[in-house]
């Protein structure tokens, strides 16, 4: 089965970075590198603020999806395995939940256009790429990077996979320019 592809309004990476950082600042989560995705989603957005309903379903009811966000921004659905792994701080599941928070922040009540799966969509117009970028910005903000860190220390500090840490570390080094 081919994944559905949606074109979203063009959004710059700097706007996505600002949105993720503003969320951290707004909730007083900017001082620490590790972002508590599940407590934030479950206890703050769902229970306290009632901004989104968190629904956990059996894996077989999710059609292979690791997470889903309602286009109206009213609900995030997680399969039991993603929920369980995210609450245990498994890196991939943490990234998945942060990705769904990205859809919530960037795509709630936004007109998305379904595209042909073979269509070439620029990354800054691809809803999935935008949500991935938001997840990276939320979980690994450059404000908490330092020059001596390795991929391994980044992965441990932010609670992400080594692959996600490697990608983010390489991007950060490119932004810093030559020594």
N, C-alpha and C. Protein backbone atom coordinates (compact mmCIF):
# COMPACT_ATOMS: atom_id res chain seq x y z
N UNK A 1 0.84 -1.18 0.00
CA UNK A 1 0.00 0.00 0.00
C UNK A 1 0.88 1.24 0.00
N UNK A 2 0.59 2.16 -0.88
CA UNK A 2 1.35 3.41 -0.97
C UNK A 2 0.77 4.42 0.00
N UNK A 3 1.63 5.11 0.71
CA UNK A 3 1.19 6.12 1.68
C UNK A 3 0.55 7.30 0.94
N UNK A 4 -0.44 7.88 1.58
CA UNK A 4 -1.06 9.06 1.02
C UNK A 4 -0.09 10.23 1.19
N UNK A 5 -0.07 11.08 0.19
CA UNK A 5 0.81 12.24 0.20
C UNK A 5 -0.07 13.49 0.18
N UNK A 6 0.23 14.42 1.07
CA UNK A 6 -0.54 15.65 1.15
C UNK A 6 0.37 16.86 1.00
N UNK A 7 -0.08 17.79 0.15
CA UNK A 7 0.63 19.06 -0.02
C UNK A 7 0.04 20.04 1.01
N UNK A 8 0.92 20.64 1.78
CA UNK A 8 0.54 21.61 2.79
C UNK A 8 0.99 23.00 2.34
N UNK A 9 0.44 24.04 2.92
CA UNK A 9 0.95 25.38 2.60
C UNK A 9 2.46 25.44 2.87
N UNK A 10 3.18 26.08 2.00
CA UNK A 10 4.64 26.20 2.15
C UNK A 10 4.97 26.82 3.50
N UNK A 11 5.91 26.18 4.19
CA UNK A 11 6.33 26.66 5.51
C UNK A 11 7.85 26.55 5.60
N UNK A 12 8.51 27.63 5.96
CA UNK A 12 9.97 27.61 6.06
C UNK A 12 10.41 26.84 7.28
N UNK A 13 11.63 26.30 7.19
CA UNK A 13 12.19 25.58 8.34
C UNK A 13 12.35 26.52 9.53
N UNK A 14 12.68 27.78 9.29
CA UNK A 14 12.84 28.70 10.42
C UNK A 14 11.51 28.97 11.11
N UNK A 15 10.42 29.01 10.35
CA UNK A 15 9.10 29.19 10.97
C UNK A 15 8.75 27.97 11.82
N UNK A 16 9.07 26.78 11.32
CA UNK A 16 8.80 25.56 12.08
C UNK A 16 9.66 25.54 13.35
N UNK A 17 10.92 25.92 13.23
CA UNK A 17 11.80 25.96 14.40
C UNK A 17 11.26 26.95 15.44
N UNK A 18 10.81 28.09 15.00
CA UNK A 18 10.26 29.10 15.90
C UNK A 18 9.01 28.57 16.59
N UNK A 19 8.14 27.90 15.84
CA UNK A 19 6.91 27.35 16.43
C UNK A 19 7.23 26.33 17.51
N UNK A 20 8.19 25.44 17.24
CA UNK A 20 8.56 24.42 18.22
C UNK A 20 9.20 25.06 19.46
N UNK A 21 10.10 26.02 19.24
CA UNK A 21 10.75 26.67 20.38
C UNK A 21 9.75 27.49 21.18
N UNK A 22 8.83 28.18 20.51
CA UNK A 22 7.81 28.96 21.20
C UNK A 22 6.94 28.07 22.08
N UNK A 23 6.65 26.86 21.63
CA UNK A 23 5.89 25.93 22.45
C UNK A 23 6.67 25.59 23.72
N UNK A 24 7.96 25.28 23.55
CA UNK A 24 8.80 24.98 24.72
C UNK A 24 8.81 26.16 25.70
N UNK A 25 9.03 27.36 25.17
CA UNK A 25 9.09 28.55 26.03
C UNK A 25 7.74 28.79 26.70
N UNK A 26 6.67 28.69 25.93
CA UNK A 26 5.34 28.94 26.45
C UNK A 26 4.94 28.03 27.60
N UNK A 27 5.48 26.84 27.62
CA UNK A 27 5.15 25.89 28.68
C UNK A 27 6.31 25.70 29.67
N UNK A 28 7.31 26.59 29.59
CA UNK A 28 8.42 26.53 30.53
C UNK A 28 9.31 25.30 30.36
N UNK A 29 9.39 24.79 29.13
CA UNK A 29 10.19 23.60 28.84
C UNK A 29 11.43 23.92 28.01
N UNK A 30 11.87 25.16 28.06
CA UNK A 30 13.00 25.59 27.25
C UNK A 30 14.35 25.42 27.96
N UNK A 31 14.35 25.26 29.26
CA UNK A 31 15.62 25.21 29.99
C UNK A 31 16.27 23.84 29.98
N UNK A 32 15.52 22.82 29.66
CA UNK A 32 16.07 21.47 29.70
C UNK A 32 16.05 20.85 28.30
N UNK A 33 17.09 20.12 27.94
CA UNK A 33 17.14 19.52 26.60
C UNK A 33 16.06 18.47 26.35
N UNK A 34 15.78 17.62 27.33
CA UNK A 34 14.85 16.50 27.14
C UNK A 34 13.42 16.99 27.18
N UNK A 35 12.69 16.78 26.09
CA UNK A 35 11.29 17.20 26.02
C UNK A 35 10.40 16.01 26.41
N UNK A 36 9.54 16.17 27.42
CA UNK A 36 8.70 15.08 27.90
C UNK A 36 7.45 14.90 27.03
N UNK A 37 7.58 14.24 25.90
CA UNK A 37 6.48 14.19 24.93
C UNK A 37 5.19 13.60 25.49
N UNK A 38 5.28 12.47 26.16
CA UNK A 38 4.04 11.85 26.64
C UNK A 38 3.41 12.62 27.80
N UNK A 39 4.17 13.02 28.81
CA UNK A 39 3.53 13.85 29.84
C UNK A 39 2.92 15.13 29.25
N UNK A 40 3.61 15.72 28.28
CA UNK A 40 3.08 16.94 27.67
C UNK A 40 1.77 16.66 26.94
N UNK A 41 1.75 15.63 26.10
CA UNK A 41 0.54 15.30 25.35
C UNK A 41 -0.58 14.86 26.29
N UNK A 42 -0.26 13.92 27.17
CA UNK A 42 -1.29 13.30 28.00
C UNK A 42 -1.77 14.21 29.13
N UNK A 43 -0.84 14.74 29.90
CA UNK A 43 -1.21 15.48 31.10
C UNK A 43 -1.54 16.95 30.82
N UNK A 44 -0.82 17.56 29.87
CA UNK A 44 -1.04 18.98 29.63
C UNK A 44 -2.09 19.21 28.54
N UNK A 45 -1.82 18.75 27.33
CA UNK A 45 -2.74 19.05 26.22
C UNK A 45 -4.08 18.32 26.34
N UNK A 46 -4.05 17.07 26.80
CA UNK A 46 -5.28 16.28 26.86
C UNK A 46 -6.03 16.48 28.18
N UNK A 47 -5.38 16.19 29.30
CA UNK A 47 -6.09 16.22 30.58
C UNK A 47 -6.35 17.63 31.11
N UNK A 48 -5.29 18.44 31.24
CA UNK A 48 -5.44 19.77 31.86
C UNK A 48 -6.14 20.76 30.94
N UNK A 49 -5.64 20.89 29.72
CA UNK A 49 -6.14 21.93 28.83
C UNK A 49 -7.31 21.46 27.96
N UNK A 50 -7.47 20.16 27.85
CA UNK A 50 -8.52 19.57 27.02
C UNK A 50 -8.51 20.12 25.59
N UNK A 51 -7.29 20.31 25.07
CA UNK A 51 -7.14 20.83 23.70
C UNK A 51 -7.20 19.72 22.66
N UNK A 52 -6.83 18.53 23.08
CA UNK A 52 -6.83 17.41 22.15
C UNK A 52 -7.19 16.14 22.93
N UNK A 53 -7.93 15.27 22.26
CA UNK A 53 -8.26 13.99 22.88
C UNK A 53 -7.20 12.97 22.45
N UNK A 54 -6.59 12.32 23.41
CA UNK A 54 -5.64 11.25 23.12
C UNK A 54 -6.40 9.95 23.13
N UNK A 55 -6.38 9.24 21.99
CA UNK A 55 -7.07 7.96 21.87
C UNK A 55 -6.02 6.89 21.61
N UNK A 56 -6.03 5.86 22.43
CA UNK A 56 -5.11 4.72 22.26
C UNK A 56 -5.95 3.55 21.79
N UNK A 57 -5.54 2.98 20.65
CA UNK A 57 -6.29 1.86 20.05
C UNK A 57 -5.39 0.65 19.90
N UNK A 58 -5.99 -0.53 19.83
CA UNK A 58 -5.19 -1.71 19.52
C UNK A 58 -4.46 -1.53 18.19
N UNK A 59 -3.25 -2.03 18.12
CA UNK A 59 -2.44 -1.86 16.91
C UNK A 59 -3.19 -2.27 15.65
N UNK A 60 -3.91 -3.39 15.71
CA UNK A 60 -4.58 -3.89 14.51
C UNK A 60 -5.68 -2.96 14.01
N UNK A 61 -6.15 -2.05 14.84
CA UNK A 61 -7.17 -1.08 14.42
C UNK A 61 -6.57 0.16 13.77
N UNK A 62 -5.25 0.26 13.74
CA UNK A 62 -4.59 1.46 13.22
C UNK A 62 -4.04 1.27 11.82
N UNK A 63 -4.27 0.13 11.21
CA UNK A 63 -3.87 -0.08 9.82
C UNK A 63 -2.39 0.11 9.55
N UNK A 64 -1.56 -0.18 10.52
CA UNK A 64 -0.12 -0.03 10.33
C UNK A 64 0.41 1.36 10.63
N UNK A 65 -0.46 2.32 10.87
CA UNK A 65 -0.02 3.68 11.19
C UNK A 65 0.59 3.70 12.59
N UNK A 66 1.65 4.48 12.77
CA UNK A 66 2.27 4.62 14.09
C UNK A 66 1.60 5.71 14.90
N UNK A 67 0.83 6.56 14.23
CA UNK A 67 0.11 7.63 14.89
C UNK A 67 -0.72 8.37 13.85
N UNK A 68 -1.78 8.99 14.29
CA UNK A 68 -2.65 9.76 13.40
C UNK A 68 -3.12 11.01 14.14
N UNK A 69 -3.22 12.11 13.41
CA UNK A 69 -3.76 13.34 13.99
C UNK A 69 -4.96 13.77 13.17
N UNK A 70 -6.05 14.03 13.84
CA UNK A 70 -7.27 14.50 13.19
C UNK A 70 -7.00 15.83 12.51
N UNK A 71 -7.42 16.00 11.24
CA UNK A 71 -7.17 17.26 10.53
C UNK A 71 -7.74 18.49 11.24
N UNK A 72 -8.78 18.31 12.04
CA UNK A 72 -9.35 19.43 12.78
C UNK A 72 -8.57 19.72 14.06
N UNK A 73 -7.58 18.87 14.37
CA UNK A 73 -6.75 19.10 15.55
C UNK A 73 -7.42 18.74 16.86
N UNK A 74 -8.46 17.90 16.80
CA UNK A 74 -9.19 17.57 18.02
C UNK A 74 -8.74 16.26 18.65
N UNK A 75 -7.98 15.45 17.89
CA UNK A 75 -7.66 14.12 18.39
C UNK A 75 -6.34 13.63 17.82
N UNK A 76 -5.57 12.94 18.67
CA UNK A 76 -4.39 12.19 18.25
C UNK A 76 -4.65 10.74 18.61
N UNK A 77 -4.49 9.86 17.63
CA UNK A 77 -4.69 8.43 17.84
C UNK A 77 -3.33 7.76 17.81
N UNK A 78 -3.06 6.97 18.82
CA UNK A 78 -1.82 6.20 18.88
C UNK A 78 -2.16 4.72 19.03
N UNK A 79 -1.47 3.86 18.27
CA UNK A 79 -1.63 2.43 18.54
C UNK A 79 -1.03 2.12 19.91
N UNK A 80 -1.51 1.07 20.53
CA UNK A 80 -1.03 0.70 21.87
C UNK A 80 0.49 0.58 21.94
N UNK A 81 1.10 0.02 20.89
CA UNK A 81 2.55 -0.17 20.92
C UNK A 81 3.29 1.16 20.91
N UNK A 82 2.83 2.12 20.12
CA UNK A 82 3.47 3.44 20.10
C UNK A 82 3.28 4.12 21.44
N UNK A 83 2.06 4.06 21.97
CA UNK A 83 1.78 4.67 23.27
C UNK A 83 2.69 4.08 24.36
N UNK A 84 2.73 2.76 24.43
CA UNK A 84 3.53 2.08 25.45
C UNK A 84 5.01 2.45 25.30
N UNK A 85 5.51 2.39 24.08
CA UNK A 85 6.93 2.70 23.85
C UNK A 85 7.24 4.16 24.14
N UNK A 86 6.33 5.06 23.79
CA UNK A 86 6.57 6.48 24.06
C UNK A 86 6.57 6.76 25.56
N UNK A 87 5.69 6.09 26.31
CA UNK A 87 5.68 6.30 27.76
C UNK A 87 6.94 5.72 28.40
N UNK A 88 7.58 4.77 27.72
CA UNK A 88 8.84 4.20 28.20
C UNK A 88 10.05 4.91 27.58
N UNK A 89 9.81 6.01 26.90
CA UNK A 89 10.85 6.85 26.28
C UNK A 89 11.68 6.12 25.23
N UNK A 90 11.07 5.22 24.49
CA UNK A 90 11.74 4.59 23.36
C UNK A 90 11.90 5.66 22.28
N UNK A 91 13.12 5.88 21.79
CA UNK A 91 13.38 7.00 20.88
C UNK A 91 12.44 7.11 19.67
N UNK A 92 12.24 6.03 18.93
CA UNK A 92 11.39 6.12 17.73
C UNK A 92 9.96 6.53 18.10
N UNK A 93 9.43 5.98 19.17
CA UNK A 93 8.07 6.31 19.58
C UNK A 93 7.99 7.77 20.05
N UNK A 94 9.02 8.24 20.74
CA UNK A 94 9.06 9.66 21.14
C UNK A 94 9.01 10.56 19.91
N UNK A 95 9.78 10.17 18.88
CA UNK A 95 9.79 10.97 17.65
C UNK A 95 8.42 10.92 16.97
N UNK A 96 7.79 9.75 16.98
CA UNK A 96 6.46 9.62 16.38
C UNK A 96 5.46 10.54 17.07
N UNK A 97 5.46 10.56 18.38
CA UNK A 97 4.53 11.43 19.11
C UNK A 97 4.86 12.90 18.82
N UNK A 98 6.14 13.26 18.79
CA UNK A 98 6.51 14.64 18.45
C UNK A 98 6.08 14.98 17.03
N UNK A 99 6.17 14.02 16.13
CA UNK A 99 5.70 14.19 14.74
C UNK A 99 4.20 14.50 14.74
N UNK A 100 3.42 13.76 15.53
CA UNK A 100 1.98 14.02 15.61
C UNK A 100 1.70 15.38 16.24
N UNK A 101 2.50 15.79 17.20
CA UNK A 101 2.38 17.14 17.74
C UNK A 101 2.67 18.18 16.67
N UNK A 102 3.58 17.83 15.75
CA UNK A 102 3.86 18.71 14.61
C UNK A 102 2.65 18.88 13.72
N UNK A 103 1.96 17.77 13.42
CA UNK A 103 0.72 17.88 12.64
C UNK A 103 -0.29 18.74 13.39
N UNK A 104 -0.39 18.54 14.69
CA UNK A 104 -1.33 19.31 15.49
C UNK A 104 -1.02 20.81 15.40
N UNK A 105 0.25 21.15 15.56
CA UNK A 105 0.67 22.56 15.54
C UNK A 105 0.61 23.19 14.15
N UNK A 106 1.00 22.42 13.14
CA UNK A 106 1.15 23.00 11.80
C UNK A 106 -0.05 22.81 10.87
N UNK A 107 -0.82 21.75 11.08
CA UNK A 107 -1.82 21.37 10.08
C UNK A 107 -3.26 21.33 10.58
N UNK A 108 -3.50 21.68 11.84
CA UNK A 108 -4.88 21.70 12.33
C UNK A 108 -5.67 22.78 11.61
N UNK A 109 -6.80 22.38 11.07
CA UNK A 109 -7.69 23.31 10.35
C UNK A 109 -6.99 24.02 9.20
N UNK A 110 -6.03 23.35 8.58
CA UNK A 110 -5.33 23.88 7.42
C UNK A 110 -5.71 23.03 6.22
N UNK A 111 -5.98 23.67 5.12
CA UNK A 111 -6.35 22.96 3.91
C UNK A 111 -5.14 22.21 3.35
N UNK A 112 -5.24 20.88 3.32
CA UNK A 112 -4.19 20.05 2.73
C UNK A 112 -4.75 19.50 1.42
N UNK A 113 -3.89 19.40 0.43
CA UNK A 113 -4.31 18.86 -0.86
C UNK A 113 -3.72 17.47 -1.05
N UNK A 114 -4.58 16.50 -1.28
CA UNK A 114 -4.11 15.15 -1.54
C UNK A 114 -3.41 15.14 -2.89
N UNK A 115 -2.24 14.55 -2.91
CA UNK A 115 -1.43 14.52 -4.14
C UNK A 115 -1.25 13.09 -4.61
N UNK A 116 -0.97 12.94 -5.86
CA UNK A 116 -0.64 11.64 -6.43
C UNK A 116 0.60 11.13 -5.70
N UNK A 117 0.61 9.86 -5.28
CA UNK A 117 1.77 9.33 -4.56
C UNK A 117 3.08 9.46 -5.34
N UNK A 118 3.00 9.55 -6.66
CA UNK A 118 4.20 9.70 -7.48
C UNK A 118 4.62 11.16 -7.66
N UNK A 119 3.79 12.07 -7.18
CA UNK A 119 4.09 13.50 -7.34
C UNK A 119 5.33 13.87 -6.54
N UNK A 120 6.09 14.78 -7.09
CA UNK A 120 7.25 15.30 -6.39
C UNK A 120 6.82 16.60 -5.71
N UNK A 121 6.84 16.54 -4.40
CA UNK A 121 6.43 17.71 -3.61
C UNK A 121 7.66 18.23 -2.89
N UNK A 122 7.87 19.53 -2.96
CA UNK A 122 9.01 20.13 -2.27
C UNK A 122 8.88 19.87 -0.77
N UNK A 123 10.00 19.61 -0.09
CA UNK A 123 9.94 19.29 1.34
C UNK A 123 9.17 20.31 2.17
N UNK A 124 9.32 21.59 1.86
CA UNK A 124 8.66 22.62 2.66
C UNK A 124 7.16 22.72 2.36
N UNK A 125 6.66 21.89 1.40
CA UNK A 125 5.23 21.81 1.11
C UNK A 125 4.65 20.43 1.43
N UNK A 126 5.47 19.53 1.93
CA UNK A 126 5.04 18.16 2.23
C UNK A 126 4.65 18.08 3.71
N UNK A 127 3.41 17.73 3.98
CA UNK A 127 2.93 17.73 5.36
C UNK A 127 3.72 16.77 6.25
N UNK A 128 4.14 15.63 5.71
CA UNK A 128 4.89 14.67 6.52
C UNK A 128 6.31 15.18 6.80
N UNK A 129 6.93 15.79 5.82
CA UNK A 129 8.27 16.34 6.02
C UNK A 129 8.22 17.50 7.02
N UNK A 130 7.18 18.32 6.91
CA UNK A 130 7.02 19.42 7.87
C UNK A 130 6.87 18.88 9.30
N UNK A 131 6.05 17.84 9.47
CA UNK A 131 5.84 17.27 10.80
C UNK A 131 7.13 16.63 11.34
N UNK A 132 7.90 16.00 10.45
CA UNK A 132 9.20 15.45 10.87
C UNK A 132 10.13 16.57 11.31
N UNK A 133 10.12 17.66 10.58
CA UNK A 133 10.99 18.79 10.92
C UNK A 133 10.60 19.37 12.28
N UNK A 134 9.28 19.49 12.50
CA UNK A 134 8.80 19.99 13.78
C UNK A 134 9.26 19.07 14.92
N UNK A 135 9.14 17.77 14.70
CA UNK A 135 9.57 16.80 15.72
C UNK A 135 11.05 16.98 16.04
N UNK A 136 11.88 17.14 15.01
CA UNK A 136 13.32 17.33 15.23
C UNK A 136 13.58 18.63 16.00
N UNK A 137 12.88 19.69 15.63
CA UNK A 137 13.06 20.98 16.31
C UNK A 137 12.58 20.92 17.76
N UNK A 138 11.47 20.23 18.00
CA UNK A 138 10.92 20.13 19.34
C UNK A 138 11.82 19.28 20.24
N UNK A 139 12.27 18.15 19.72
CA UNK A 139 13.06 17.23 20.52
C UNK A 139 14.53 17.61 20.62
N UNK A 140 15.07 18.25 19.58
CA UNK A 140 16.52 18.56 19.55
C UNK A 140 16.77 20.00 19.13
N UNK A 141 16.32 20.97 19.92
CA UNK A 141 16.52 22.36 19.53
C UNK A 141 18.01 22.74 19.53
N UNK A 142 18.40 23.50 18.54
CA UNK A 142 19.80 23.92 18.44
C UNK A 142 20.24 24.71 19.67
N UNK A 143 19.31 25.33 20.37
CA UNK A 143 19.65 26.09 21.56
C UNK A 143 20.34 25.23 22.61
N UNK A 144 20.17 23.92 22.54
CA UNK A 144 20.79 23.02 23.52
C UNK A 144 21.97 22.24 22.94
N UNK A 145 22.44 22.62 21.77
CA UNK A 145 23.61 21.96 21.18
C UNK A 145 24.88 22.64 21.66
N UNK A 146 25.96 21.88 21.70
CA UNK A 146 27.26 22.49 21.95
C UNK A 146 28.30 21.83 21.05
N UNK A 147 29.38 22.53 20.76
CA UNK A 147 30.35 22.08 19.75
C UNK A 147 31.03 20.74 20.03
N UNK A 148 31.12 20.32 21.26
CA UNK A 148 31.86 19.09 21.58
C UNK A 148 31.01 17.83 21.58
N UNK A 149 29.75 17.95 21.27
CA UNK A 149 28.87 16.79 21.34
C UNK A 149 29.06 15.85 20.16
N UNK A 150 28.88 14.58 20.45
CA UNK A 150 28.89 13.55 19.42
C UNK A 150 27.45 13.12 19.15
N UNK A 151 27.28 12.35 18.11
CA UNK A 151 25.96 11.81 17.80
C UNK A 151 25.43 11.01 19.00
N UNK A 152 26.30 10.26 19.63
CA UNK A 152 25.90 9.44 20.77
C UNK A 152 25.43 10.29 21.94
N UNK A 153 26.16 11.36 22.24
CA UNK A 153 25.74 12.21 23.37
C UNK A 153 24.46 12.96 23.04
N UNK A 154 24.28 13.34 21.79
CA UNK A 154 23.04 14.02 21.38
C UNK A 154 21.86 13.07 21.54
N UNK A 155 22.02 11.84 21.05
CA UNK A 155 20.94 10.85 21.15
C UNK A 155 20.54 10.64 22.61
N UNK A 156 21.53 10.50 23.49
CA UNK A 156 21.25 10.27 24.91
C UNK A 156 20.62 11.49 25.56
N UNK A 157 21.15 12.66 25.28
CA UNK A 157 20.67 13.89 25.91
C UNK A 157 19.22 14.21 25.54
N UNK A 158 18.87 13.99 24.27
CA UNK A 158 17.54 14.35 23.79
C UNK A 158 16.56 13.17 23.75
N UNK A 159 17.04 11.95 24.00
CA UNK A 159 16.15 10.79 23.97
C UNK A 159 15.65 10.45 22.58
N UNK A 160 16.57 10.53 21.61
CA UNK A 160 16.22 10.23 20.21
C UNK A 160 17.12 9.11 19.70
N UNK A 161 16.79 8.59 18.54
CA UNK A 161 17.61 7.54 17.95
C UNK A 161 18.93 8.13 17.47
N UNK A 162 19.91 7.27 17.30
CA UNK A 162 21.20 7.74 16.78
C UNK A 162 21.04 8.27 15.35
N UNK A 163 20.14 7.68 14.58
CA UNK A 163 19.90 8.16 13.21
C UNK A 163 19.35 9.59 13.23
N UNK A 164 18.36 9.85 14.07
CA UNK A 164 17.80 11.21 14.18
C UNK A 164 18.87 12.17 14.69
N UNK A 165 19.66 11.75 15.66
CA UNK A 165 20.73 12.59 16.20
C UNK A 165 21.78 12.88 15.14
N UNK A 166 22.12 11.88 14.32
CA UNK A 166 23.12 12.07 13.27
C UNK A 166 22.65 13.10 12.25
N UNK A 167 21.41 12.99 11.81
CA UNK A 167 20.86 13.94 10.84
C UNK A 167 20.88 15.35 11.42
N UNK A 168 20.40 15.49 12.63
CA UNK A 168 20.33 16.81 13.27
C UNK A 168 21.72 17.38 13.53
N UNK A 169 22.64 16.54 13.97
CA UNK A 169 24.02 16.97 14.22
C UNK A 169 24.66 17.47 12.93
N UNK A 170 24.47 16.74 11.83
CA UNK A 170 25.03 17.17 10.54
C UNK A 170 24.44 18.51 10.09
N UNK A 171 23.13 18.69 10.28
CA UNK A 171 22.50 19.97 9.93
C UNK A 171 23.08 21.10 10.78
N UNK A 172 23.25 20.84 12.07
CA UNK A 172 23.77 21.86 12.97
C UNK A 172 25.19 22.25 12.57
N UNK A 173 26.03 21.25 12.25
CA UNK A 173 27.41 21.54 11.84
C UNK A 173 27.43 22.37 10.57
N UNK A 174 26.56 22.08 9.62
CA UNK A 174 26.50 22.88 8.39
C UNK A 174 26.12 24.32 8.68
N UNK A 175 25.20 24.52 9.62
CA UNK A 175 24.78 25.88 10.01
C UNK A 175 25.92 26.64 10.66
N UNK A 176 26.76 25.93 11.39
CA UNK A 176 27.87 26.57 12.11
C UNK A 176 28.99 27.01 11.16
N UNK A 177 29.09 26.37 10.03
CA UNK A 177 30.15 26.70 9.07
C UNK A 177 31.49 26.11 9.49
N UNK A 178 32.51 26.34 8.69
CA UNK A 178 33.82 25.77 9.00
C UNK A 178 34.41 26.37 10.29
N UNK A 179 35.20 25.55 11.00
CA UNK A 179 35.79 26.04 12.28
C UNK A 179 36.78 27.15 12.06
